[in-house]
């Protein structure tokens, strides 16, 4: 499965549009991780805890997007957009990816 933010794939014509597909993930960060991250934020530096959570959430959302495109018979997803939102009082992170599932020619 080819996943790209571009609207086309060089050298591969789009022969069929299968539809818009999404991948969504909502993750919570537990109290211990929050506490460790708040200390890191207080003394300065990067919060590896939250960065790792963000990377894992984004990868999971992309896998979900790919699975949904595969179920439609697509070869690729073009025009992918990634959005991040904090829900509630900052305890939940939502990652949403969307794009157009397509069938490619040769």
PDB file of N, CA and C in Angstrom:
ATOM      1  N   UNK A   1       0.854  -1.174   0.000  1.00  0.00           N
ATOM      2  CA  UNK A   1       0.000   0.000   0.000  1.00  0.00           C
ATOM      3  C   UNK A   1       0.901   1.239   0.000  1.00  0.00           C
ATOM      4  N   UNK A   2       0.697   2.092  -0.986  1.00  0.00           N
ATOM      5  CA  UNK A   2       1.427   3.351  -1.054  1.00  0.00           C
ATOM      6  C   UNK A   2       0.612   4.407  -0.308  1.00  0.00           C
ATOM      7  N   UNK A   3       1.250   5.073   0.641  1.00  0.00           N
ATOM      8  CA  UNK A   3       0.611   6.133   1.417  1.00  0.00           C
ATOM      9  C   UNK A   3       1.384   7.418   1.179  1.00  0.00           C
ATOM     10  N   UNK A   4       0.686   8.476   0.727  1.00  0.00           N
ATOM     11  CA  UNK A   4       1.400   9.712   0.412  1.00  0.00           C
ATOM     12  C   UNK A   4       0.531  10.935   0.675  1.00  0.00           C
ATOM     13  N   UNK A   5       1.192  12.028   0.983  1.00  0.00           N
ATOM     14  CA  UNK A   5       0.487  13.300   1.164  1.00  0.00           C
ATOM     15  C   UNK A   5       0.268  14.009  -0.165  1.00  0.00           C
ATOM     16  N   UNK A   6       0.918  13.541  -1.212  1.00  0.00           N
ATOM     17  CA  UNK A   6       0.786  14.173  -2.530  1.00  0.00           C
ATOM     18  C   UNK A   6      -0.509  13.715  -3.205  1.00  0.00           C
ATOM     19  N   UNK A   7      -1.034  14.507  -4.149  1.00  0.00           N
ATOM     20  CA  UNK A   7      -2.294  14.140  -4.805  1.00  0.00           C
ATOM     21  C   UNK A   7      -2.147  13.095  -5.900  1.00  0.00           C
ATOM     22  N   UNK A   8      -0.926  12.823  -6.328  1.00  0.00           N
ATOM     23  CA  UNK A   8      -0.668  11.834  -7.371  1.00  0.00           C
ATOM     24  C   UNK A   8       0.574  11.034  -7.001  1.00  0.00           C
ATOM     25  N   UNK A   9       0.800   9.965  -7.762  1.00  0.00           N
ATOM     26  CA  UNK A   9       2.006   9.151  -7.585  1.00  0.00           C
ATOM     27  C   UNK A   9       2.716   9.132  -8.923  1.00  0.00           C
ATOM     28  N   UNK A  10       3.929   9.640  -8.939  1.00  0.00           N
ATOM     29  CA  UNK A  10       4.680   9.776 -10.187  1.00  0.00           C
ATOM     30  C   UNK A  10       4.805   8.432 -10.904  1.00  0.00           C
ATOM     31  N   UNK A  11       4.445   8.446 -12.187  1.00  0.00           N
ATOM     32  CA  UNK A  11       4.577   7.257 -13.010  1.00  0.00           C
ATOM     33  C   UNK A  11       3.466   6.235 -12.848  1.00  0.00           C
ATOM     34  N   UNK A  12       2.501   6.492 -11.994  1.00  0.00           N
ATOM     35  CA  UNK A  12       1.396   5.560 -11.754  1.00  0.00           C
ATOM     36  C   UNK A  12       0.079   6.313 -11.887  1.00  0.00           C
ATOM     37  N   UNK A  13      -0.642   6.144 -12.984  1.00  0.00           N
ATOM     38  CA  UNK A  13      -1.912   6.853 -13.131  1.00  0.00           C
ATOM     39  C   UNK A  13      -2.983   6.298 -12.185  1.00  0.00           C
ATOM     40  N   UNK A  14      -3.818   7.186 -11.695  1.00  0.00           N
ATOM     41  CA  UNK A  14      -4.962   6.770 -10.882  1.00  0.00           C
ATOM     42  C   UNK A  14      -6.069   6.379 -11.848  1.00  0.00           C
ATOM     43  N   UNK A  15      -6.539   5.139 -11.758  1.00  0.00           N
ATOM     44  CA  UNK A  15      -7.574   4.668 -12.679  1.00  0.00           C
ATOM     45  C   UNK A  15      -8.952   4.573 -12.017  1.00  0.00           C
ATOM     46  N   UNK A  16      -8.978   4.616 -10.683  1.00  0.00           N
ATOM     47  CA  UNK A  16     -10.265   4.542  -9.990  1.00  0.00           C
ATOM     48  C   UNK A  16     -10.134   5.146  -8.593  1.00  0.00           C
ATOM     49  N   UNK A  17     -11.118   5.946  -8.234  1.00  0.00           N
ATOM     50  CA  UNK A  17     -11.190   6.511  -6.885  1.00  0.00           C
ATOM     51  C   UNK A  17     -12.140   5.645  -6.070  1.00  0.00           C
ATOM     52  N   UNK A  18     -11.651   5.102  -4.973  1.00  0.00           N
ATOM     53  CA  UNK A  18     -12.439   4.196  -4.139  1.00  0.00           C
ATOM     54  C   UNK A  18     -13.206   4.929  -3.042  1.00  0.00           C
ATOM     55  N   UNK A  19     -12.740   6.110  -2.668  1.00  0.00           N
ATOM     56  CA  UNK A  19     -13.429   6.883  -1.634  1.00  0.00           C
ATOM     57  C   UNK A  19     -12.481   7.401  -0.579  1.00  0.00           C
ATOM     58  N   UNK A  20     -13.008   8.241   0.268  1.00  0.00           N
ATOM     59  CA  UNK A  20     -12.231   8.815   1.360  1.00  0.00           C
ATOM     60  C   UNK A  20     -12.150   7.792   2.492  1.00  0.00           C
ATOM     61  N   UNK A  21     -10.957   7.648   3.044  1.00  0.00           N
ATOM     62  CA  UNK A  21     -10.749   6.720   4.155  1.00  0.00           C
ATOM     63  C   UNK A  21     -10.130   7.472   5.330  1.00  0.00           C
ATOM     64  N   UNK A  22     -10.385   6.937   6.530  1.00  0.00           N
ATOM     65  CA  UNK A  22      -9.917   7.569   7.756  1.00  0.00           C
ATOM     66  C   UNK A  22      -9.253   6.547   8.658  1.00  0.00           C
ATOM     67  N   UNK A  23      -8.390   7.046   9.502  1.00  0.00           N
ATOM     68  CA  UNK A  23      -7.835   6.280  10.607  1.00  0.00           C
ATOM     69  C   UNK A  23      -7.866   7.185  11.821  1.00  0.00           C
ATOM     70  N   UNK A  24      -8.464   6.711  12.902  1.00  0.00           N
ATOM     71  CA  UNK A  24      -8.570   7.524  14.102  1.00  0.00           C
ATOM     72  C   UNK A  24      -8.037   6.754  15.300  1.00  0.00           C
ATOM     73  N   UNK A  25      -7.347   7.478  16.162  1.00  0.00           N
ATOM     74  CA  UNK A  25      -6.846   6.887  17.397  1.00  0.00           C
ATOM     75  C   UNK A  25      -7.005   7.921  18.504  1.00  0.00           C
ATOM     76  N   UNK A  26      -7.527   7.482  19.640  1.00  0.00           N
ATOM     77  CA  UNK A  26      -7.585   8.333  20.828  1.00  0.00           C
ATOM     78  C   UNK A  26      -6.819   7.601  21.915  1.00  0.00           C
ATOM     79  N   UNK A  27      -5.827   8.259  22.467  1.00  0.00           N
ATOM     80  CA  UNK A  27      -5.012   7.650  23.509  1.00  0.00           C
ATOM     81  C   UNK A  27      -4.999   8.550  24.735  1.00  0.00           C
ATOM     82  N   UNK A  28      -4.929   7.913  25.876  1.00  0.00           N
ATOM     83  CA  UNK A  28      -4.789   8.626  27.134  1.00  0.00           C
ATOM     84  C   UNK A  28      -3.387   8.414  27.666  1.00  0.00           C
ATOM     85  N   UNK A  29      -2.906   9.389  28.372  1.00  0.00           N
ATOM     86  CA  UNK A  29      -1.595   9.264  29.006  1.00  0.00           C
ATOM     87  C   UNK A  29      -1.840   9.145  30.494  1.00  0.00           C
ATOM     88  N   UNK A  30      -1.261   8.116  31.103  1.00  0.00           N
ATOM     89  CA  UNK A  30      -1.572   7.862  32.506  1.00  0.00           C
ATOM     90  C   UNK A  30      -0.865   8.828  33.459  1.00  0.00           C
ATOM     91  N   UNK A  31      -1.240   8.778  34.720  1.00  0.00           N
ATOM     92  CA  UNK A  31      -0.757   9.718  35.732  1.00  0.00           C
ATOM     93  C   UNK A  31       0.767   9.710  35.856  1.00  0.00           C
ATOM     94  N   UNK A  32       1.379   8.545  35.859  1.00  0.00           N
ATOM     95  CA  UNK A  32       2.837   8.470  36.041  1.00  0.00           C
ATOM     96  C   UNK A  32       3.543   9.112  34.850  1.00  0.00           C
ATOM     97  N   UNK A  33       3.077   8.842  33.647  1.00  0.00           N
ATOM     98  CA  UNK A  33       3.672   9.468  32.471  1.00  0.00           C
ATOM     99  C   UNK A  33       3.447  10.976  32.508  1.00  0.00           C
ATOM    100  N   UNK A  34       2.243  11.410  32.916  1.00  0.00           N
ATOM    101  CA  UNK A  34       1.956  12.846  33.028  1.00  0.00           C
ATOM    102  C   UNK A  34       2.911  13.509  34.013  1.00  0.00           C
ATOM    103  N   UNK A  35       3.123  12.853  35.146  1.00  0.00           N
ATOM    104  CA  UNK A  35       3.993  13.416  36.179  1.00  0.00           C
ATOM    105  C   UNK A  35       5.431  13.529  35.679  1.00  0.00           C
ATOM    106  N   UNK A  36       5.924  12.473  35.044  1.00  0.00           N
ATOM    107  CA  UNK A  36       7.292  12.490  34.514  1.00  0.00           C
ATOM    108  C   UNK A  36       7.435  13.566  33.438  1.00  0.00           C
ATOM    109  N   UNK A  37       6.432  13.695  32.583  1.00  0.00           N
ATOM    110  CA  UNK A  37       6.478  14.702  31.528  1.00  0.00           C
ATOM    111  C   UNK A  37       6.424  16.106  32.115  1.00  0.00           C
ATOM    112  N   UNK A  38       5.636  16.305  33.188  1.00  0.00           N
ATOM    113  CA  UNK A  38       5.545  17.635  33.789  1.00  0.00           C
ATOM    114  C   UNK A  38       6.871  18.038  34.430  1.00  0.00           C
ATOM    115  N   UNK A  39       7.575  17.087  34.993  1.00  0.00           N
ATOM    116  CA  UNK A  39       8.911  17.392  35.552  1.00  0.00           C
ATOM    117  C   UNK A  39       9.855  17.782  34.424  1.00  0.00           C
ATOM    118  N   UNK A  40       9.822  17.025  33.336  1.00  0.00           N
ATOM    119  CA  UNK A  40      10.680  17.318  32.192  1.00  0.00           C
ATOM    120  C   UNK A  40      10.357  18.707  31.634  1.00  0.00           C
ATOM    121  N   UNK A  41       9.054  19.010  31.540  1.00  0.00           N
ATOM    122  CA  UNK A  41       8.639  20.316  31.036  1.00  0.00           C
ATOM    123  C   UNK A  41       9.112  21.432  31.971  1.00  0.00           C
ATOM    124  N   UNK A  42       9.071  21.170  33.274  1.00  0.00           N
ATOM    125  CA  UNK A  42       9.465  22.178  34.262  1.00  0.00           C
ATOM    126  C   UNK A  42      10.958  22.478  34.187  1.00  0.00           C
ATOM    127  N   UNK A  43      11.781  21.446  34.054  1.00  0.00           N
ATOM    128  CA  UNK A  43      13.230  21.663  34.040  1.00  0.00           C
ATOM    129  C   UNK A  43      13.765  21.912  32.632  1.00  0.00           C
ATOM    130  N   UNK A  44      12.909  21.751  31.644  1.00  0.00           N
ATOM    131  CA  UNK A  44      13.316  21.996  30.257  1.00  0.00           C
ATOM    132  C   UNK A  44      13.639  20.711  29.527  1.00  0.00           C
ATOM    133  N   UNK A  45      13.694  20.806  28.241  1.00  0.00           N
ATOM    134  CA  UNK A  45      14.015  19.640  27.428  1.00  0.00           C
ATOM    135  C   UNK A  45      12.789  19.064  26.757  1.00  0.00           C
ATOM    136  N   UNK A  46      13.026  18.028  26.014  1.00  0.00           N
ATOM    137  CA  UNK A  46      11.949  17.379  25.267  1.00  0.00           C
ATOM    138  C   UNK A  46      11.275  16.324  26.132  1.00  0.00           C
ATOM    139  N   UNK A  47       9.999  16.147  25.914  1.00  0.00           N
ATOM    140  CA  UNK A  47       9.241  15.133  26.633  1.00  0.00           C
ATOM    141  C   UNK A  47       9.179  13.868  25.784  1.00  0.00           C
ATOM    142  N   UNK A  48      10.126  12.969  26.013  1.00  0.00           N
ATOM    143  CA  UNK A  48      10.173  11.721  25.256  1.00  0.00           C
ATOM    144  C   UNK A  48       8.920  10.887  25.463  1.00  0.00           C
ATOM    145  N   UNK A  49       8.345  10.978  26.649  1.00  0.00           N
ATOM    146  CA  UNK A  49       7.129  10.221  26.951  1.00  0.00           C
ATOM    147  C   UNK A  49       6.017  10.592  25.977  1.00  0.00           C
ATOM    148  N   UNK A  50       5.746  11.886  25.856  1.00  0.00           N
ATOM    149  CA  UNK A  50       4.672  12.326  24.971  1.00  0.00           C
ATOM    150  C   UNK A  50       5.044  12.154  23.503  1.00  0.00           C
ATOM    151  N   UNK A  51       6.305  12.347  23.170  1.00  0.00           N
ATOM    152  CA  UNK A  51       6.726  12.138  21.782  1.00  0.00           C
ATOM    153  C   UNK A  51       6.492  10.692  21.367  1.00  0.00           C
ATOM    154  N   UNK A  52       6.817   9.753  22.239  1.00  0.00           N
ATOM    155  CA  UNK A  52       6.606   8.336  21.925  1.00  0.00           C
ATOM    156  C   UNK A  52       5.122   8.014  21.792  1.00  0.00           C
ATOM    157  N   UNK A  53       4.303   8.585  22.676  1.00  0.00           N
ATOM    158  CA  UNK A  53       2.849   8.378  22.585  1.00  0.00           C
ATOM    159  C   UNK A  53       2.321   8.912  21.256  1.00  0.00           C
ATOM    160  N   UNK A  54       2.813  10.078  20.857  1.00  0.00           N
ATOM    161  CA  UNK A  54       2.378  10.702  19.610  1.00  0.00           C
ATOM    162  C   UNK A  54       2.770   9.866  18.404  1.00  0.00           C
ATOM    163  N   UNK A  55       3.997   9.382  18.377  1.00  0.00           N
ATOM    164  CA  UNK A  55       4.481   8.539  17.274  1.00  0.00           C
ATOM    165  C   UNK A  55       3.659   7.256  17.193  1.00  0.00           C
ATOM    166  N   UNK A  56       3.417   6.619  18.339  1.00  0.00           N
ATOM    167  CA  UNK A  56       2.640   5.376  18.345  1.00  0.00           C
ATOM    168  C   UNK A  56       1.210   5.612  17.874  1.00  0.00           C
ATOM    169  N   UNK A  57       0.596   6.704  18.320  1.00  0.00           N
ATOM    170  CA  UNK A  57      -0.775   7.012  17.909  1.00  0.00           C
ATOM    171  C   UNK A  57      -0.840   7.282  16.410  1.00  0.00           C
ATOM    172  N   UNK A  58       0.112   8.050  15.895  1.00  0.00           N
ATOM    173  CA  UNK A  58       0.128   8.349  14.460  1.00  0.00           C
ATOM    174  C   UNK A  58       0.337   7.077  13.637  1.00  0.00           C
ATOM    175  N   UNK A  59       1.256   6.219  14.050  1.00  0.00           N
ATOM    176  CA  UNK A  59       1.503   4.964  13.322  1.00  0.00           C
ATOM    177  C   UNK A  59       0.272   4.065  13.339  1.00  0.00           C
ATOM    178  N   UNK A  60      -0.412   3.993  14.463  1.00  0.00           N
ATOM    179  CA  UNK A  60      -1.621   3.183  14.565  1.00  0.00           C
ATOM    180  C   UNK A  60      -2.719   3.731  13.663  1.00  0.00           C
ATOM    181  N   UNK A  61      -2.875   5.059  13.635  1.00  0.00           N
ATOM    182  CA  UNK A  61      -3.884   5.685  12.767  1.00  0.00           C
ATOM    183  C   UNK A  61      -3.569   5.416  11.295  1.00  0.00           C
ATOM    184  N   UNK A  62      -2.293   5.474  10.917  1.00  0.00           N
ATOM    185  CA  UNK A  62      -1.904   5.197   9.529  1.00  0.00           C
ATOM    186  C   UNK A  62      -2.178   3.728   9.171  1.00  0.00           C
ATOM    187  N   UNK A  63      -1.928   2.811  10.102  1.00  0.00           N
ATOM    188  CA  UNK A  63      -2.209   1.397   9.857  1.00  0.00           C
ATOM    189  C   UNK A  63      -3.710   1.179   9.668  1.00  0.00           C
ATOM    190  N   UNK A  64      -4.514   1.867  10.466  1.00  0.00           N
ATOM    191  CA  UNK A  64      -5.972   1.764  10.339  1.00  0.00           C
ATOM    192  C   UNK A  64      -6.435   2.303   8.987  1.00  0.00           C
ATOM    193  N   UNK A  65      -5.881   3.440   8.580  1.00  0.00           N
ATOM    194  CA  UNK A  65      -6.186   4.027   7.274  1.00  0.00           C
ATOM    195  C   UNK A  65      -5.850   3.039   6.159  1.00  0.00           C
ATOM    196  N   UNK A  66      -4.683   2.440   6.229  1.00  0.00           N
ATOM    197  CA  UNK A  66      -4.234   1.474   5.226  1.00  0.00           C
ATOM    198  C   UNK A  66      -5.151   0.256   5.179  1.00  0.00           C
ATOM    199  N   UNK A  67      -5.563  -0.239   6.330  1.00  0.00           N
ATOM    200  CA  UNK A  67      -6.455  -1.407   6.387  1.00  0.00           C
ATOM    201  C   UNK A  67      -7.801  -1.102   5.751  1.00  0.00           C
ATOM    202  N   UNK A  68      -8.324   0.093   6.000  1.00  0.00           N
ATOM    203  CA  UNK A  68      -9.615   0.470   5.429  1.00  0.00           C
ATOM    204  C   UNK A  68      -9.506   0.636   3.908  1.00  0.00           C
ATOM    205  N   UNK A  69      -8.379   1.172   3.441  1.00  0.00           N
ATOM    206  CA  UNK A  69      -8.174   1.310   1.998  1.00  0.00           C
ATOM    207  C   UNK A  69      -8.043  -0.062   1.342  1.00  0.00           C
ATOM    208  N   UNK A  70      -7.342  -0.967   1.982  1.00  0.00           N
ATOM    209  CA  UNK A  70      -7.195  -2.331   1.472  1.00  0.00           C
ATOM    210  C   UNK A  70      -8.554  -3.014   1.353  1.00  0.00           C
ATOM    211  N   UNK A  71      -9.408  -2.804   2.338  1.00  0.00           N
ATOM    212  CA  UNK A  71     -10.746  -3.405   2.320  1.00  0.00           C
ATOM    213  C   UNK A  71     -11.578  -2.899   1.142  1.00  0.00           C
ATOM    214  N   UNK A  72     -11.263  -1.704   0.651  1.00  0.00           N
ATOM    215  CA  UNK A  72     -11.961  -1.152  -0.512  1.00  0.00           C
ATOM    216  C   UNK A  72     -11.343  -1.595  -1.839  1.00  0.00           C
ATOM    217  N   UNK A  73     -10.225  -2.318  -1.768  1.00  0.00           N
ATOM    218  CA  UNK A  73      -9.541  -2.763  -2.987  1.00  0.00           C
ATOM    219  C   UNK A  73      -8.580  -1.739  -3.547  1.00  0.00           C
ATOM    220  N   UNK A  74      -8.133  -0.808  -2.719  1.00  0.00           N
ATOM    221  CA  UNK A  74      -7.221   0.249  -3.166  1.00  0.00           C
ATOM    222  C   UNK A  74      -5.777  -0.228  -3.169  1.00  0.00           C
ATOM    223  N   UNK A  75      -4.975   0.430  -4.029  1.00  0.00           N
ATOM    224  CA  UNK A  75      -3.527   0.188  -4.077  1.00  0.00           C
ATOM    225  C   UNK A  75      -2.759   1.262  -3.317  1.00  0.00           C
ATOM    226  N   UNK A  76      -3.416   2.414  -3.115  1.00  0.00           N
ATOM    227  CA  UNK A  76      -2.724   3.553  -2.514  1.00  0.00           C
ATOM    228  C   UNK A  76      -3.742   4.477  -1.859  1.00  0.00           C
ATOM    229  N   UNK A  77      -3.219   5.342  -1.001  1.00  0.00           N
ATOM    230  CA  UNK A  77      -4.011   6.440  -0.437  1.00  0.00           C
ATOM    231  C   UNK A  77      -3.234   7.715  -0.716  1.00  0.00           C
ATOM    232  N   UNK A  78      -3.875   8.637  -1.422  1.00  0.00           N
ATOM    233  CA  UNK A  78      -3.233   9.902  -1.779  1.00  0.00           C
ATOM    234  C   UNK A  78      -3.867  11.057  -1.006  1.00  0.00           C
ATOM    235  N   UNK A  79      -3.131  12.170  -0.950  1.00  0.00           N
ATOM    236  CA  UNK A  79      -3.644  13.370  -0.297  1.00  0.00           C
ATOM    237  C   UNK A  79      -3.849  13.206   1.192  1.00  0.00           C
ATOM    238  N   UNK A  80      -3.001  12.441   1.835  1.00  0.00           N
ATOM    239  CA  UNK A  80      -3.169  12.175   3.265  1.00  0.00           C
ATOM    240  C   UNK A  80      -2.951  13.448   4.078  1.00  0.00           C
ATOM    241  N   UNK A  81      -3.854  13.647   5.032  1.00  0.00           N
ATOM    242  CA  UNK A  81      -3.781  14.767   5.966  1.00  0.00           C
ATOM    243  C   UNK A  81      -3.771  14.180   7.372  1.00  0.00           C
ATOM    244  N   UNK A  82      -2.911  14.715   8.231  1.00  0.00           N
ATOM    245  CA  UNK A  82      -2.811  14.254   9.612  1.00  0.00           C
ATOM    246  C   UNK A  82      -3.220  15.404  10.532  1.00  0.00           C
ATOM    247  N   UNK A  83      -4.151  15.118  11.450  1.00  0.00           N
ATOM    248  CA  UNK A  83      -4.611  16.129  12.404  1.00  0.00           C
ATOM    249  C   UNK A  83      -4.445  15.613  13.826  1.00  0.00           C
ATOM    250  N   UNK A  84      -4.120  16.535  14.725  1.00  0.00           N
ATOM    251  CA  UNK A  84      -3.947  16.219  16.139  1.00  0.00           C
ATOM    252  C   UNK A  84      -4.872  17.104  16.954  1.00  0.00           C
ATOM    253  N   UNK A  85      -5.508  16.530  17.972  1.00  0.00           N
ATOM    254  CA  UNK A  85      -6.364  17.293  18.871  1.00  0.00           C
ATOM    255  C   UNK A  85      -6.142  16.800  20.293  1.00  0.00           C
ATOM    256  N   UNK A  86      -6.232  17.712  21.243  1.00  0.00           N
ATOM    257  CA  UNK A  86      -6.218  17.350  22.656  1.00  0.00           C
ATOM    258  C   UNK A  86      -7.654  17.427  23.135  1.00  0.00           C
ATOM    259  N   UNK A  87      -8.124  16.351  23.749  1.00  0.00           N
ATOM    260  CA  UNK A  87      -9.499  16.287  24.223  1.00  0.00           C
ATOM    261  C   UNK A  87      -9.551  16.500  25.730  1.00  0.00           C
ATOM    262  N   UNK A  88     -10.605  17.124  26.196  1.00  0.00           N
ATOM    263  CA  UNK A  88     -10.777  17.336  27.631  1.00  0.00           C
ATOM    264  C   UNK A  88      -9.741  18.286  28.182  1.00  0.00           C
ATOM    265  N   UNK A  89      -9.252  17.964  29.348  1.00  0.00           N
ATOM    266  CA  UNK A  89      -8.261  18.801  30.021  1.00  0.00           C
ATOM    267  C   UNK A  89      -6.836  18.366  29.708  1.00  0.00           C
ATOM    268  N   UNK A  90      -6.639  17.812  28.534  1.00  0.00           N
ATOM    269  CA  UNK A  90      -5.291  17.440  28.110  1.00  0.00           C
ATOM    270  C   UNK A  90      -4.917  16.008  28.404  1.00  0.00           C
ATOM    271  N   UNK A  91      -5.863  15.199  28.904  1.00  0.00           N
ATOM    272  CA  UNK A  91      -5.549  13.822  29.237  1.00  0.00           C
ATOM    273  C   UNK A  91      -5.679  12.859  28.074  1.00  0.00           C
ATOM    274  N   UNK A  92      -6.303  13.307  26.990  1.00  0.00           N
ATOM    275  CA  UNK A  92      -6.523  12.432  25.847  1.00  0.00           C
ATOM    276  C   UNK A  92      -6.002  13.111  24.582  1.00  0.00           C
ATOM    277  N   UNK A  93      -5.381  12.331  23.746  1.00  0.00           N
ATOM    278  CA  UNK A  93      -4.855  12.828  22.479  1.00  0.00           C
ATOM    279  C   UNK A  93      -5.557  12.082  21.351  1.00  0.00           C
ATOM    280  N   UNK A  94      -6.081  12.840  20.378  1.00  0.00           N
ATOM    281  CA  UNK A  94      -6.720  12.221  19.216  1.00  0.00           C
ATOM    282  C   UNK A  94      -5.883  12.514  17.985  1.00  0.00           C
ATOM    283  N   UNK A  95      -5.580  11.458  17.238  1.00  0.00           N
ATOM    284  CA  UNK A  95      -4.875  11.578  15.968  1.00  0.00           C
ATOM    285  C   UNK A  95      -5.817  11.059  14.892  1.00  0.00           C
ATOM    286  N   UNK A  96      -6.070  11.881  13.884  1.00  0.00           N
ATOM    287  CA  UNK A  96      -6.931  11.502  12.775  1.00  0.00           C
ATOM    288  C   UNK A  96      -6.149  11.670  11.481  1.00  0.00           C
ATOM    289  N   UNK A  97      -6.158  10.637  10.652  1.00  0.00           N
ATOM    290  CA  UNK A  97      -5.551  10.725   9.324  1.00  0.00           C
ATOM    291  C   UNK A  97      -6.647  10.432   8.304  1.00  0.00           C
ATOM    292  N   UNK A  98      -6.604  11.155   7.186  1.00  0.00           N
ATOM    293  CA  UNK A  98      -7.592  10.930   6.139  1.00  0.00           C
ATOM    294  C   UNK A  98      -6.918  11.085   4.780  1.00  0.00           C
ATOM    295  N   UNK A  99      -7.496  10.440   3.790  1.00  0.00           N
ATOM    296  CA  UNK A  99      -6.976  10.531   2.436  1.00  0.00           C
ATOM    297  C   UNK A  99      -7.937   9.858   1.482  1.00  0.00           C
ATOM    298  N   UNK A 100      -7.575   9.839   0.217  1.00  0.00           N
ATOM    299  CA  UNK A 100      -8.401   9.234  -0.817  1.00  0.00           C
ATOM    300  C   UNK A 100      -7.804   7.902  -1.246  1.00  0.00           C
ATOM    301  N   UNK A 101      -8.583   6.839  -1.089  1.00  0.00           N
ATOM    302  CA  UNK A 101      -8.159   5.504  -1.511  1.00  0.00           C
ATOM    303  C   UNK A 101      -8.326   5.417  -3.026  1.00  0.00           C
ATOM    304  N   UNK A 102      -7.283   4.930  -3.704  1.00  0.00           N
ATOM    305  CA  UNK A 102      -7.305   4.869  -5.164  1.00  0.00           C
ATOM    306  C   UNK A 102      -6.768   3.532  -5.668  1.00  0.00           C
ATOM    307  N   UNK A 103      -7.170   3.206  -6.877  1.00  0.00           N
ATOM    308  CA  UNK A 103      -6.634   2.062  -7.614  1.00  0.00           C
ATOM    309  C   UNK A 103      -5.678   2.634  -8.663  1.00  0.00           C
ATOM    310  N   UNK A 104      -4.490   2.058  -8.762  1.00  0.00           N
ATOM    311  CA  UNK A 104      -3.469   2.565  -9.670  1.00  0.00           C
ATOM    312  C   UNK A 104      -3.346   1.715 -10.921  1.00  0.00           C
ATOM    313  N   UNK A 105      -2.994   2.357 -12.028  1.00  0.00           N
ATOM    314  CA  UNK A 105      -2.662   1.651 -13.259  1.00  0.00           C
ATOM    315  C   UNK A 105      -1.151   1.524 -13.376  1.00  0.00           C
ATOM    316  N   UNK A 106      -0.713   0.934 -14.499  1.00  0.00           N
ATOM    317  CA  UNK A 106       0.736   0.769 -14.712  1.00  0.00           C
ATOM    318  C   UNK A 106       1.157   1.507 -15.891  1.00  0.00           C
TER     319      UNK A 106
END
